[in-house]
Amino acid sequence: MSDMDESCNDDKAPLEWIQLELIPLPHISDEPRLLLWWNPGKRELRGDGKDKVLLIVEQALRAGKVENAGTVYEVTDPLTKPSELAVVLAKSYWVVPQPVRYPGESTEQSEQDLASKRLQ
């Protein structure tokens, strides 16, 4: 396999981490914004507010459900299921997700790198 083939495969590799910017909803606006990185495949969270989010997840798991806007959602494993983590966090935060290669990576840098590789 040539270097060109390998670089093409790198472009198609899925990004394993998701940067989560958590913006508090107006009813809890005294809370700070949080910036975390989440790897659903490894069930791992990193970053500011990690302990707070893990506590929210733990509470939802104990209850086995989350009620939001009059709808009840079953919760079984929010650290591996994006839809479950979204519904758990949506009670307190607007969630802005952005795929990245690794925790701490600038999302702008990630987008620029991908764009430049596509042009090559």
PDB file of N, CA and C in Angstrom:
ATOM      1  N   MET A   1       0.846  -1.179   0.000  1.00  0.00           N
ATOM      2  CA  MET A   1       0.000   0.000   0.000  1.00  0.00           C
ATOM      3  C   MET A   1       0.890   1.239   0.000  1.00  0.00           C
ATOM      4  N   SER A   2       0.578   2.182  -0.853  1.00  0.00           N
ATOM      5  CA  SER A   2       1.390   3.393  -0.958  1.00  0.00           C
ATOM      6  C   SER A   2       1.020   4.385   0.137  1.00  0.00           C
ATOM      7  N   ASP A   3       1.893   5.400   0.306  1.00  0.00           N
ATOM      8  CA  ASP A   3       1.617   6.465   1.275  1.00  0.00           C
ATOM      9  C   ASP A   3       0.305   7.173   0.943  1.00  0.00           C
ATOM     10  N   MET A   4       0.039   7.327  -0.354  1.00  0.00           N
ATOM     11  CA  MET A   4      -1.186   8.001  -0.787  1.00  0.00           C
ATOM     12  C   MET A   4      -2.415   7.207  -0.339  1.00  0.00           C
ATOM     13  N   ASP A   5      -2.359   5.858  -0.506  1.00  0.00           N
ATOM     14  CA  ASP A   5      -3.474   5.014  -0.090  1.00  0.00           C
ATOM     15  C   ASP A   5      -3.695   5.119   1.414  1.00  0.00           C
ATOM     16  N   GLU A   6      -2.605   5.134   2.184  1.00  0.00           N
ATOM     17  CA  GLU A   6      -2.722   5.215   3.638  1.00  0.00           C
ATOM     18  C   GLU A   6      -3.325   6.542   4.066  1.00  0.00           C
ATOM     19  N   SER A   7      -2.916   7.647   3.422  1.00  0.00           N
ATOM     20  CA  SER A   7      -3.466   8.946   3.812  1.00  0.00           C
ATOM     21  C   SER A   7      -4.945   9.023   3.465  1.00  0.00           C
ATOM     22  N   CYS A   8      -5.351   8.380   2.377  1.00  0.00           N
ATOM     23  CA  CYS A   8      -6.776   8.355   2.032  1.00  0.00           C
ATOM     24  C   CYS A   8      -7.563   7.595   3.084  1.00  0.00           C
ATOM     25  N   ASN A   9      -6.987   6.496   3.587  1.00  0.00           N
ATOM     26  CA  ASN A   9      -7.656   5.732   4.628  1.00  0.00           C
ATOM     27  C   ASN A   9      -7.776   6.546   5.906  1.00  0.00           C
ATOM     28  N   ASP A  10      -6.763   7.375   6.220  1.00  0.00           N
ATOM     29  CA  ASP A  10      -6.818   8.227   7.404  1.00  0.00           C
ATOM     30  C   ASP A  10      -7.975   9.214   7.309  1.00  0.00           C
ATOM     31  N   ASP A  11      -8.220   9.730   6.093  1.00  0.00           N
ATOM     32  CA  ASP A  11      -9.306  10.686   5.903  1.00  0.00           C
ATOM     33  C   ASP A  11     -10.658  10.057   6.206  1.00  0.00           C
ATOM     34  N   LYS A  12     -10.788   8.763   5.943  1.00  0.00           N
ATOM     35  CA  LYS A  12     -12.056   8.080   6.117  1.00  0.00           C
ATOM     36  C   LYS A  12     -12.219   7.484   7.508  1.00  0.00           C
ATOM     37  N   ALA A  13     -11.179   7.492   8.310  1.00  0.00           N
ATOM     38  CA  ALA A  13     -11.270   6.935   9.660  1.00  0.00           C
ATOM     39  C   ALA A  13     -12.232   7.784  10.483  1.00  0.00           C
ATOM     40  N   PRO A  14     -13.130   7.126  11.195  1.00  0.00           N
ATOM     41  CA  PRO A  14     -14.076   7.906  12.003  1.00  0.00           C
ATOM     42  C   PRO A  14     -13.365   8.620  13.154  1.00  0.00           C
ATOM     43  N   LEU A  15     -13.867   9.773  13.502  1.00  0.00           N
ATOM     44  CA  LEU A  15     -13.331  10.514  14.632  1.00  0.00           C
ATOM     45  C   LEU A  15     -13.919   9.901  15.895  1.00  0.00           C
ATOM     46  N   GLU A  16     -13.053   9.484  16.826  1.00  0.00           N
ATOM     47  CA  GLU A  16     -13.507   8.745  17.996  1.00  0.00           C
ATOM     48  C   GLU A  16     -13.998   9.633  19.126  1.00  0.00           C
ATOM     49  N   TRP A  17     -13.603  10.880  19.131  1.00  0.00           N
ATOM     50  CA  TRP A  17     -13.955  11.785  20.225  1.00  0.00           C
ATOM     51  C   TRP A  17     -14.968  12.809  19.766  1.00  0.00           C
ATOM     52  N   ILE A  18     -15.806  13.250  20.695  1.00  0.00           N
ATOM     53  CA  ILE A  18     -16.773  14.298  20.428  1.00  0.00           C
ATOM     54  C   ILE A  18     -16.567  15.391  21.469  1.00  0.00           C
ATOM     55  N   GLN A  19     -16.297  16.587  20.993  1.00  0.00           N
ATOM     56  CA  GLN A  19     -16.210  17.722  21.906  1.00  0.00           C
ATOM     57  C   GLN A  19     -17.644  18.135  22.231  1.00  0.00           C
ATOM     58  N   LEU A  20     -17.932  18.296  23.515  1.00  0.00           N
ATOM     59  CA  LEU A  20     -19.258  18.717  23.955  1.00  0.00           C
ATOM     60  C   LEU A  20     -19.149  20.076  24.637  1.00  0.00           C
ATOM     61  N   GLU A  21     -19.731  21.072  24.025  1.00  0.00           N
ATOM     62  CA  GLU A  21     -19.847  22.361  24.692  1.00  0.00           C
ATOM     63  C   GLU A  21     -21.229  22.366  25.320  1.00  0.00           C
ATOM     64  N   LEU A  22     -21.280  22.519  26.641  1.00  0.00           N
ATOM     65  CA  LEU A  22     -22.546  22.483  27.375  1.00  0.00           C
ATOM     66  C   LEU A  22     -22.876  23.887  27.855  1.00  0.00           C
ATOM     67  N   ILE A  23     -23.974  24.422  27.353  1.00  0.00           N
ATOM     68  CA  ILE A  23     -24.409  25.777  27.679  1.00  0.00           C
ATOM     69  C   ILE A  23     -25.624  25.663  28.594  1.00  0.00           C
ATOM     70  N   PRO A  24     -25.525  26.172  29.811  1.00  0.00           N
ATOM     71  CA  PRO A  24     -26.648  26.042  30.744  1.00  0.00           C
ATOM     72  C   PRO A  24     -27.937  26.662  30.195  1.00  0.00           C
ATOM     73  N   LEU A  25     -29.050  25.981  30.425  1.00  0.00           N
ATOM     74  CA  LEU A  25     -30.351  26.518  30.036  1.00  0.00           C
ATOM     75  C   LEU A  25     -30.670  27.738  30.906  1.00  0.00           C
ATOM     76  N   PRO A  26     -31.534  28.612  30.432  1.00  0.00           N
ATOM     77  CA  PRO A  26     -31.820  29.851  31.169  1.00  0.00           C
ATOM     78  C   PRO A  26     -32.224  29.652  32.635  1.00  0.00           C
ATOM     79  N   HIS A  27     -32.918  28.578  32.953  1.00  0.00           N
ATOM     80  CA  HIS A  27     -33.351  28.397  34.339  1.00  0.00           C
ATOM     81  C   HIS A  27     -32.201  28.040  35.290  1.00  0.00           C
ATOM     82  N   ILE A  28     -31.026  27.726  34.741  1.00  0.00           N
ATOM     83  CA  ILE A  28     -29.840  27.490  35.586  1.00  0.00           C
ATOM     84  C   ILE A  28     -28.666  28.319  35.075  1.00  0.00           C
ATOM     85  N   SER A  29     -28.947  29.530  34.648  1.00  0.00           N
ATOM     86  CA  SER A  29     -27.928  30.357  34.003  1.00  0.00           C
ATOM     87  C   SER A  29     -26.773  30.734  34.918  1.00  0.00           C
ATOM     88  N   ASP A  30     -26.903  30.486  36.226  1.00  0.00           N
ATOM     89  CA  ASP A  30     -25.795  30.799  37.129  1.00  0.00           C
ATOM     90  C   ASP A  30     -24.695  29.744  37.056  1.00  0.00           C
ATOM     91  N   GLU A  31     -24.939  28.659  36.354  1.00  0.00           N
ATOM     92  CA  GLU A  31     -23.934  27.610  36.173  1.00  0.00           C
ATOM     93  C   GLU A  31     -22.974  27.998  35.051  1.00  0.00           C
ATOM     94  N   PRO A  32     -21.714  27.572  35.139  1.00  0.00           N
ATOM     95  CA  PRO A  32     -20.762  27.899  34.062  1.00  0.00           C
ATOM     96  C   PRO A  32     -20.964  27.008  32.840  1.00  0.00           C
ATOM     97  N   ARG A  33     -20.493  27.495  31.701  1.00  0.00           N
ATOM     98  CA  ARG A  33     -20.426  26.641  30.503  1.00  0.00           C
ATOM     99  C   ARG A  33     -19.383  25.568  30.766  1.00  0.00           C
ATOM    100  N   LEU A  34     -19.594  24.405  30.187  1.00  0.00           N
ATOM    101  CA  LEU A  34     -18.645  23.306  30.352  1.00  0.00           C
ATOM    102  C   LEU A  34     -18.115  22.893  28.989  1.00  0.00           C
ATOM    103  N   LEU A  35     -16.879  22.430  28.961  1.00  0.00           N
ATOM    104  CA  LEU A  35     -16.281  21.916  27.743  1.00  0.00           C
ATOM    105  C   LEU A  35     -15.679  20.557  28.061  1.00  0.00           C
ATOM    106  N   LEU A  36     -16.231  19.534  27.418  1.00  0.00           N
ATOM    107  CA  LEU A  36     -15.791  18.166  27.672  1.00  0.00           C
ATOM    108  C   LEU A  36     -15.493  17.459  26.358  1.00  0.00           C
ATOM    109  N   TRP A  37     -14.800  16.335  26.481  1.00  0.00           N
ATOM    110  CA  TRP A  37     -14.562  15.462  25.338  1.00  0.00           C
ATOM    111  C   TRP A  37     -15.063  14.092  25.731  1.00  0.00           C
ATOM    112  N   TRP A  38     -15.796  13.472  24.810  1.00  0.00           N
ATOM    113  CA  TRP A  38     -16.463  12.202  25.088  1.00  0.00           C
ATOM    114  C   TRP A  38     -16.100  11.183  24.019  1.00  0.00           C
ATOM    115  N   ASN A  39     -15.733   9.995  24.464  1.00  0.00           N
ATOM    116  CA  ASN A  39     -15.469   8.879  23.559  1.00  0.00           C
ATOM    117  C   ASN A  39     -16.484   7.791  23.885  1.00  0.00           C
ATOM    118  N   PRO A  40     -17.564   7.681  23.094  1.00  0.00           N
ATOM    119  CA  PRO A  40     -18.597   6.692  23.397  1.00  0.00           C
ATOM    120  C   PRO A  40     -18.090   5.250  23.323  1.00  0.00           C
ATOM    121  N   GLY A  41     -17.111   4.987  22.454  1.00  0.00           N
ATOM    122  CA  GLY A  41     -16.566   3.634  22.341  1.00  0.00           C
ATOM    123  C   GLY A  41     -15.831   3.180  23.592  1.00  0.00           C
ATOM    124  N   LYS A  42     -15.222   4.130  24.288  1.00  0.00           N
ATOM    125  CA  LYS A  42     -14.471   3.817  25.511  1.00  0.00           C
ATOM    126  C   LYS A  42     -15.242   4.183  26.777  1.00  0.00           C
ATOM    127  N   ARG A  43     -16.463   4.772  26.609  1.00  0.00           N
ATOM    128  CA  ARG A  43     -17.268   5.237  27.753  1.00  0.00           C
ATOM    129  C   ARG A  43     -16.478   6.243  28.598  1.00  0.00           C
ATOM    130  N   GLU A  44     -15.755   7.130  27.933  1.00  0.00           N
ATOM    131  CA  GLU A  44     -14.847   8.034  28.644  1.00  0.00           C
ATOM    132  C   GLU A  44     -15.235   9.495  28.436  1.00  0.00           C
ATOM    133  N   LEU A  45     -15.189  10.249  29.524  1.00  0.00           N
ATOM    134  CA  LEU A  45     -15.372  11.697  29.499  1.00  0.00           C
ATOM    135  C   LEU A  45     -14.119  12.356  30.047  1.00  0.00           C
ATOM    136  N   ARG A  46     -13.710  13.468  29.438  1.00  0.00           N
ATOM    137  CA  ARG A  46     -12.578  14.255  29.935  1.00  0.00           C
ATOM    138  C   ARG A  46     -12.964  15.721  29.889  1.00  0.00           C
ATOM    139  N   GLY A  47     -12.331  16.498  30.749  1.00  0.00           N
ATOM    140  CA  GLY A  47     -12.512  17.937  30.684  1.00  0.00           C
ATOM    141  C   GLY A  47     -13.184  18.538  31.895  1.00  0.00           C
ATOM    142  N   ASP A  48     -13.366  19.871  31.822  1.00  0.00           N
ATOM    143  CA  ASP A  48     -14.002  20.617  32.906  1.00  0.00           C
ATOM    144  C   ASP A  48     -15.448  20.168  33.060  1.00  0.00           C
ATOM    145  N   GLY A  49     -15.834  19.914  34.280  1.00  0.00           N
ATOM    146  CA  GLY A  49     -17.212  19.513  34.538  1.00  0.00           C
ATOM    147  C   GLY A  49     -17.470  18.035  34.391  1.00  0.00           C
ATOM    148  N   LYS A  50     -16.416  17.251  34.157  1.00  0.00           N
ATOM    149  CA  LYS A  50     -16.577  15.806  33.987  1.00  0.00           C
ATOM    150  C   LYS A  50     -17.324  15.187  35.168  1.00  0.00           C
ATOM    151  N   ASP A  51     -16.921  15.532  36.384  1.00  0.00           N
ATOM    152  CA  ASP A  51     -17.544  14.949  37.573  1.00  0.00           C
ATOM    153  C   ASP A  51     -19.018  15.335  37.671  1.00  0.00           C
ATOM    154  N   LYS A  52     -19.337  16.561  37.320  1.00  0.00           N
ATOM    155  CA  LYS A  52     -20.722  17.033  37.353  1.00  0.00           C
ATOM    156  C   LYS A  52     -21.575  16.242  36.360  1.00  0.00           C
ATOM    157  N   VAL A  53     -21.070  16.057  35.148  1.00  0.00           N
ATOM    158  CA  VAL A  53     -21.811  15.320  34.125  1.00  0.00           C
ATOM    159  C   VAL A  53     -21.951  13.851  34.527  1.00  0.00           C
ATOM    160  N   LEU A  54     -20.886  13.265  35.073  1.00  0.00           N
ATOM    161  CA  LEU A  54     -20.979  11.870  35.509  1.00  0.00           C
ATOM    162  C   LEU A  54     -22.016  11.708  36.621  1.00  0.00           C
ATOM    163  N   LEU A  55     -22.153  12.689  37.483  1.00  0.00           N
ATOM    164  CA  LEU A  55     -23.173  12.648  38.531  1.00  0.00           C
ATOM    165  C   LEU A  55     -24.575  12.696  37.915  1.00  0.00           C
ATOM    166  N   ILE A  56     -24.775  13.557  36.937  1.00  0.00           N
ATOM    167  CA  ILE A  56     -26.066  13.647  36.239  1.00  0.00           C
ATOM    168  C   ILE A  56     -26.385  12.313  35.566  1.00  0.00           C
ATOM    169  N   VAL A  57     -25.392  11.716  34.927  1.00  0.00           N
ATOM    170  CA  VAL A  57     -25.570  10.421  34.262  1.00  0.00           C
ATOM    171  C   VAL A  57     -25.911   9.343  35.292  1.00  0.00           C
ATOM    172  N   GLU A  58     -25.195   9.334  36.398  1.00  0.00           N
ATOM    173  CA  GLU A  58     -25.441   8.346  37.455  1.00  0.00           C
ATOM    174  C   GLU A  58     -26.861   8.457  37.996  1.00  0.00           C
ATOM    175  N   GLN A  59     -27.345   9.671  38.214  1.00  0.00           N
ATOM    176  CA  GLN A  59     -28.706   9.874  38.710  1.00  0.00           C
ATOM    177  C   GLN A  59     -29.736   9.350  37.705  1.00  0.00           C
ATOM    178  N   ALA A  60     -29.503   9.596  36.432  1.00  0.00           N
ATOM    179  CA  ALA A  60     -30.416   9.111  35.392  1.00  0.00           C
ATOM    180  C   ALA A  60     -30.407   7.585  35.326  1.00  0.00           C
ATOM    181  N   LEU A  61     -29.224   6.994  35.474  1.00  0.00           N
ATOM    182  CA  LEU A  61     -29.128   5.532  35.454  1.00  0.00           C
ATOM    183  C   LEU A  61     -29.867   4.901  36.631  1.00  0.00           C
ATOM    184  N   ARG A  62     -29.713   5.516  37.805  1.00  0.00           N
ATOM    185  CA  ARG A  62     -30.430   4.997  38.985  1.00  0.00           C
ATOM    186  C   ARG A  62     -31.936   5.031  38.770  1.00  0.00           C
ATOM    187  N   ALA A  63     -32.427   6.114  38.176  1.00  0.00           N
ATOM    188  CA  ALA A  63     -33.860   6.242  37.909  1.00  0.00           C
ATOM    189  C   ALA A  63     -34.292   5.348  36.746  1.00  0.00           C
ATOM    190  N   GLY A  64     -33.357   5.066  35.833  1.00  0.00           N
ATOM    191  CA  GLY A  64     -33.667   4.237  34.673  1.00  0.00           C
ATOM    192  C   GLY A  64     -34.433   4.976  33.593  1.00  0.00           C
ATOM    193  N   LYS A  65     -34.652   6.258  33.820  1.00  0.00           N
ATOM    194  CA  LYS A  65     -35.411   7.049  32.849  1.00  0.00           C
ATOM    195  C   LYS A  65     -35.154   8.532  33.086  1.00  0.00           C
ATOM    196  N   VAL A  66     -35.512   9.316  32.074  1.00  0.00           N
ATOM    197  CA  VAL A  66     -35.459  10.774  32.159  1.00  0.00           C
ATOM    198  C   VAL A  66     -36.762  11.280  31.567  1.00  0.00           C
ATOM    199  N   GLU A  67     -37.380  12.215  32.255  1.00  0.00           N
ATOM    200  CA  GLU A  67     -38.581  12.856  31.715  1.00  0.00           C
ATOM    201  C   GLU A  67     -38.205  14.249  31.269  1.00  0.00           C
ATOM    202  N   ASN A  68     -38.559  14.557  30.035  1.00  0.00           N
ATOM    203  CA  ASN A  68     -38.225  15.860  29.470  1.00  0.00           C
ATOM    204  C   ASN A  68     -39.348  16.282  28.533  1.00  0.00           C
ATOM    205  N   ALA A  69     -39.892  17.464  28.755  1.00  0.00           N
ATOM    206  CA  ALA A  69     -40.959  18.025  27.923  1.00  0.00           C
ATOM    207  C   ALA A  69     -42.151  17.071  27.820  1.00  0.00           C
ATOM    208  N   GLY A  70     -42.477  16.414  28.926  1.00  0.00           N
ATOM    209  CA  GLY A  70     -43.643  15.542  28.965  1.00  0.00           C
ATOM    210  C   GLY A  70     -43.446  14.153  28.388  1.00  0.00           C
ATOM    211  N   THR A  71     -42.253  13.852  27.935  1.00  0.00           N
ATOM    212  CA  THR A  71     -41.952  12.533  27.384  1.00  0.00           C
ATOM    213  C   THR A  71     -40.973  11.818  28.299  1.00  0.00           C
ATOM    214  N   VAL A  72     -41.171  10.512  28.479  1.00  0.00           N
ATOM    215  CA  VAL A  72     -40.280   9.702  29.310  1.00  0.00           C
ATOM    216  C   VAL A  72     -39.355   8.900  28.400  1.00  0.00           C
ATOM    217  N   TYR A  73     -38.062   8.983  28.675  1.00  0.00           N
ATOM    218  CA  TYR A  73     -37.051   8.272  27.895  1.00  0.00           C
ATOM    219  C   TYR A  73     -36.356   7.250  28.786  1.00  0.00           C
ATOM    220  N   GLU A  74     -36.232   6.031  28.297  1.00  0.00           N
ATOM    221  CA  GLU A  74     -35.499   5.007  29.032  1.00  0.00           C
ATOM    222  C   GLU A  74     -34.002   5.314  28.946  1.00  0.00           C
ATOM    223  N   VAL A  75     -33.299   5.098  30.046  1.00  0.00           N
ATOM    224  CA  VAL A  75     -31.859   5.343  30.093  1.00  0.00           C
ATOM    225  C   VAL A  75     -31.180   4.060  30.559  1.00  0.00           C
ATOM    226  N   THR A  76     -30.314   3.499  29.702  1.00  0.00           N
ATOM    227  CA  THR A  76     -29.621   2.255  30.044  1.00  0.00           C
ATOM    228  C   THR A  76     -28.101   2.397  30.054  1.00  0.00           C
ATOM    229  N   ASP A  77     -27.540   3.215  29.135  1.00  0.00           N
ATOM    230  CA  ASP A  77     -26.089   3.389  29.066  1.00  0.00           C
ATOM    231  C   ASP A  77     -25.732   4.669  28.310  1.00  0.00           C
ATOM    232  N   PRO A  78     -25.950   5.825  28.936  1.00  0.00           N
ATOM    233  CA  PRO A  78     -25.731   7.089  28.229  1.00  0.00           C
ATOM    234  C   PRO A  78     -24.292   7.354  27.805  1.00  0.00           C
ATOM    235  N   LEU A  79     -23.332   6.683  28.412  1.00  0.00           N
ATOM    236  CA  LEU A  79     -21.940   6.940  28.023  1.00  0.00           C
ATOM    237  C   LEU A  79     -21.542   6.225  26.739  1.00  0.00           C
ATOM    238  N   THR A  80     -22.417   5.347  26.227  1.00  0.00           N
ATOM    239  CA  THR A  80     -22.143   4.719  24.930  1.00  0.00           C
ATOM    240  C   THR A  80     -23.200   5.058  23.887  1.00  0.00           C
ATOM    241  N   LYS A  81     -24.310   5.640  24.316  1.00  0.00           N
ATOM    242  CA  LYS A  81     -25.419   5.916  23.400  1.00  0.00           C
ATOM    243  C   LYS A  81     -25.649   7.425  23.288  1.00  0.00           C
ATOM    244  N   PRO A  82     -25.284   8.008  22.152  1.00  0.00           N
ATOM    245  CA  PRO A  82     -25.433   9.460  21.989  1.00  0.00           C
ATOM    246  C   PRO A  82     -26.849   9.972  22.254  1.00  0.00           C
ATOM    247  N   SER A  83     -27.863   9.239  21.823  1.00  0.00           N
ATOM    248  CA  SER A  83     -29.232   9.721  22.027  1.00  0.00           C
ATOM    249  C   SER A  83     -29.574   9.773  23.512  1.00  0.00           C
ATOM    250  N   GLU A  84     -29.084   8.807  24.290  1.00  0.00           N
ATOM    251  CA  GLU A  84     -29.349   8.806  25.728  1.00  0.00           C
ATOM    252  C   GLU A  84     -28.586   9.921  26.443  1.00  0.00           C
ATOM    253  N   LEU A  85     -27.323  10.129  26.085  1.00  0.00           N
ATOM    254  CA  LEU A  85     -26.564  11.208  26.724  1.00  0.00           C
ATOM    255  C   LEU A  85     -27.199  12.552  26.382  1.00  0.00           C
ATOM    256  N   ALA A  86     -27.665  12.701  25.161  1.00  0.00           N
ATOM    257  CA  ALA A  86     -28.306  13.953  24.755  1.00  0.00           C
ATOM    258  C   ALA A  86     -29.549  14.235  25.583  1.00  0.00           C
ATOM    259  N   VAL A  87     -30.378  13.228  25.790  1.00  0.00           N
ATOM    260  CA  VAL A  87     -31.614  13.453  26.546  1.00  0.00           C
ATOM    261  C   VAL A  87     -31.316  13.707  28.024  1.00  0.00           C
ATOM    262  N   VAL A  88     -30.302  13.068  28.566  1.00  0.00           N
ATOM    263  CA  VAL A  88     -29.913  13.288  29.964  1.00  0.00           C
ATOM    264  C   VAL A  88     -29.418  14.727  30.146  1.00  0.00           C
ATOM    265  N   LEU A  89     -28.565  15.183  29.249  1.00  0.00           N
ATOM    266  CA  LEU A  89     -27.984  16.525  29.363  1.00  0.00           C
ATOM    267  C   LEU A  89     -28.981  17.629  29.002  1.00  0.00           C
ATOM    268  N   ALA A  90     -29.978  17.310  28.168  1.00  0.00           N
ATOM    269  CA  ALA A  90     -30.929  18.315  27.688  1.00  0.00           C
ATOM    270  C   ALA A  90     -31.813  18.883  28.787  1.00  0.00           C
ATOM    271  N   LYS A  91     -31.848  18.256  29.931  1.00  0.00           N
ATOM    272  CA  LYS A  91     -32.630  18.806  31.042  1.00  0.00           C
ATOM    273  C   LYS A  91     -31.963  20.053  31.620  1.00  0.00           C
ATOM    274  N   SER A  92     -30.656  20.171  31.435  1.00  0.00           N
ATOM    275  CA  SER A  92     -29.918  21.277  32.036  1.00  0.00           C
ATOM    276  C   SER A  92     -29.100  22.105  31.048  1.00  0.00           C
ATOM    277  N   TYR A  93     -28.800  21.545  29.886  1.00  0.00           N
ATOM    278  CA  TYR A  93     -27.870  22.212  28.962  1.00  0.00           C
ATOM    279  C   TYR A  93     -28.339  22.147  27.517  1.00  0.00           C
ATOM    280  N   TRP A  94     -27.943  23.178  26.766  1.00  0.00           N
ATOM    281  CA  TRP A  94     -27.916  23.053  25.321  1.00  0.00           C
ATOM    282  C   TRP A  94     -26.595  22.380  25.022  1.00  0.00           C
ATOM    283  N   VAL A  95     -26.622  21.373  24.192  1.00  0.00           N
ATOM    284  CA  VAL A  95     -25.414  20.597  23.897  1.00  0.00           C
ATOM    285  C   VAL A  95     -24.975  20.904  22.468  1.00  0.00           C
ATOM    286  N   VAL A  96     -23.716  21.338  22.334  1.00  0.00           N
ATOM    287  CA  VAL A  96     -23.150  21.611  21.014  1.00  0.00           C
ATOM    288  C   VAL A  96     -22.042  20.590  20.782  1.00  0.00           C
ATOM    289  N   PRO A  97     -22.335  19.525  20.011  1.00  0.00           N
ATOM    290  CA  PRO A  97     -21.328  18.495  19.768  1.00  0.00           C
ATOM    291  C   PRO A  97     -20.486  18.804  18.528  1.00  0.00           C
ATOM    292  N   GLN A  98     -19.235  18.380  18.560  1.00  0.00           N
ATOM    293  CA  GLN A  98     -18.337  18.552  17.412  1.00  0.00           C
ATOM    294  C   GLN A  98     -17.343  17.399  17.405  1.00  0.00           C
ATOM    295  N   PRO A  99     -17.351  16.545  16.367  1.00  0.00           N
ATOM    296  CA  PRO A  99     -16.369  15.458  16.307  1.00  0.00           C
ATOM    297  C   PRO A  99     -14.941  15.994  16.210  1.00  0.00           C
ATOM    298  N   VAL A 100     -14.029  15.358  16.946  1.00  0.00           N
ATOM    299  CA  VAL A 100     -12.605  15.716  16.917  1.00  0.00           C
ATOM    300  C   VAL A 100     -11.779  14.436  16.976  1.00  0.00           C
ATOM    301  N   ARG A 101     -10.495  14.546  16.633  1.00  0.00           N
ATOM    302  CA  ARG A 101      -9.617  13.378  16.660  1.00  0.00           C
ATOM    303  C   ARG A 101      -9.178  13.003  18.065  1.00  0.00           C
ATOM    304  N   TYR A 102      -9.005  14.020  18.933  1.00  0.00           N
ATOM    305  CA  TYR A 102      -8.497  13.749  20.272  1.00  0.00           C
ATOM    306  C   TYR A 102      -8.953  14.866  21.220  1.00  0.00           C
ATOM    307  N   PRO A 103      -9.001  14.596  22.514  1.00  0.00           N
ATOM    308  CA  PRO A 103      -9.415  15.623  23.482  1.00  0.00           C
ATOM    309  C   PRO A 103      -8.495  16.834  23.433  1.00  0.00           C
ATOM    310  N   GLY A 104      -9.084  18.005  23.468  1.00  0.00           N
ATOM    311  CA  GLY A 104      -8.313  19.239  23.463  1.00  0.00           C
ATOM    312  C   GLY A 104      -8.024  19.788  22.085  1.00  0.00           C
ATOM    313  N   GLU A 105      -8.296  18.999  21.050  1.00  0.00           N
ATOM    314  CA  GLU A 105      -8.063  19.480  19.693  1.00  0.00           C
ATOM    315  C   GLU A 105      -9.015  20.623  19.385  1.00  0.00           C
ATOM    316  N   SER A 106      -8.511  21.655  18.759  1.00  0.00           N
ATOM    317  CA  SER A 106      -9.345  22.763  18.321  1.00  0.00           C
ATOM    318  C   SER A 106     -10.258  22.270  17.207  1.00  0.00           C
ATOM    319  N   THR A 107     -11.548  22.543  17.325  1.00  0.00           N
ATOM    320  CA  THR A 107     -12.464  22.110  16.272  1.00  0.00           C
ATOM    321  C   THR A 107     -12.168  22.837  14.972  1.00  0.00           C
ATOM    322  N   GLU A 108     -11.684  24.079  15.048  1.00  0.00           N
ATOM    323  CA  GLU A 108     -11.303  24.810  13.842  1.00  0.00           C
ATOM    324  C   GLU A 108     -10.125  24.123  13.152  1.00  0.00           C
ATOM    325  N   GLN A 109      -9.145  23.688  13.945  1.00  0.00           N
ATOM    326  CA  GLN A 109      -7.979  23.013  13.372  1.00  0.00           C
ATOM    327  C   GLN A 109      -8.401  21.699  12.721  1.00  0.00           C
ATOM    328  N   SER A 110      -9.284  20.969  13.354  1.00  0.00           N
ATOM    329  CA  SER A 110      -9.774  19.710  12.814  1.00  0.00           C
ATOM    330  C   SER A 110     -10.442  19.929  11.457  1.00  0.00           C
ATOM    331  N   GLU A 111     -11.295  20.946  11.364  1.00  0.00           N
ATOM    332  CA  GLU A 111     -11.980  21.247  10.111  1.00  0.00           C
ATOM    333  C   GLU A 111     -10.993  21.686   9.037  1.00  0.00           C
ATOM    334  N   GLN A 112      -9.988  22.502   9.397  1.00  0.00           N
ATOM    335  CA  GLN A 112      -8.992  22.952   8.423  1.00  0.00           C
ATOM    336  C   GLN A 112      -8.162  21.778   7.919  1.00  0.00           C
ATOM    337  N   ASP A 113      -7.757  20.877   8.827  1.00  0.00           N
ATOM    338  CA  ASP A 113      -6.966  19.712   8.423  1.00  0.00           C
ATOM    339  C   ASP A 113      -7.747  18.840   7.458  1.00  0.00           C
ATOM    340  N   LEU A 114      -9.007  18.588   7.754  1.00  0.00           N
ATOM    341  CA  LEU A 114      -9.824  17.750   6.883  1.00  0.00           C
ATOM    342  C   LEU A 114     -10.012  18.410   5.531  1.00  0.00           C
ATOM    343  N   ALA A 115     -10.242  19.716   5.506  1.00  0.00           N
ATOM    344  CA  ALA A 115     -10.438  20.434   4.246  1.00  0.00           C
ATOM    345  C   ALA A 115      -9.165  20.402   3.407  1.00  0.00           C
ATOM    346  N   SER A 116      -8.009  20.593   4.027  1.00  0.00           N
ATOM    347  CA  SER A 116      -6.756  20.604   3.262  1.00  0.00           C
ATOM    348  C   SER A 116      -6.439  19.210   2.717  1.00  0.00           C
ATOM    349  N   LYS A 117      -6.771  18.173   3.444  1.00  0.00           N
ATOM    350  CA  LYS A 117      -6.537  16.802   2.949  1.00  0.00           C
ATOM    351  C   LYS A 117      -7.436  16.511   1.754  1.00  0.00           C
ATOM    352  N   ARG A 118      -8.655  17.024   1.776  1.00  0.00           N
ATOM    353  CA  ARG A 118      -9.570  16.794   0.656  1.00  0.00           C
ATOM    354  C   ARG A 118      -9.065  17.473  -0.615  1.00  0.00           C
ATOM    355  N   LEU A 119      -8.364  18.596  -0.468  1.00  0.00           N
ATOM    356  CA  LEU A 119      -7.854  19.334  -1.625  1.00  0.00           C
ATOM    357  C   LEU A 119      -6.628  18.674  -2.241  1.00  0.00           C
ATOM    358  N   GLN A 120      -5.946  17.833  -1.480  1.00  0.00           N
ATOM    359  CA  GLN A 120      -4.706  17.207  -1.972  1.00  0.00           C
ATOM    360  C   GLN A 120      -4.989  16.102  -2.954  1.00  0.00           C
TER     361      GLN A 120
END
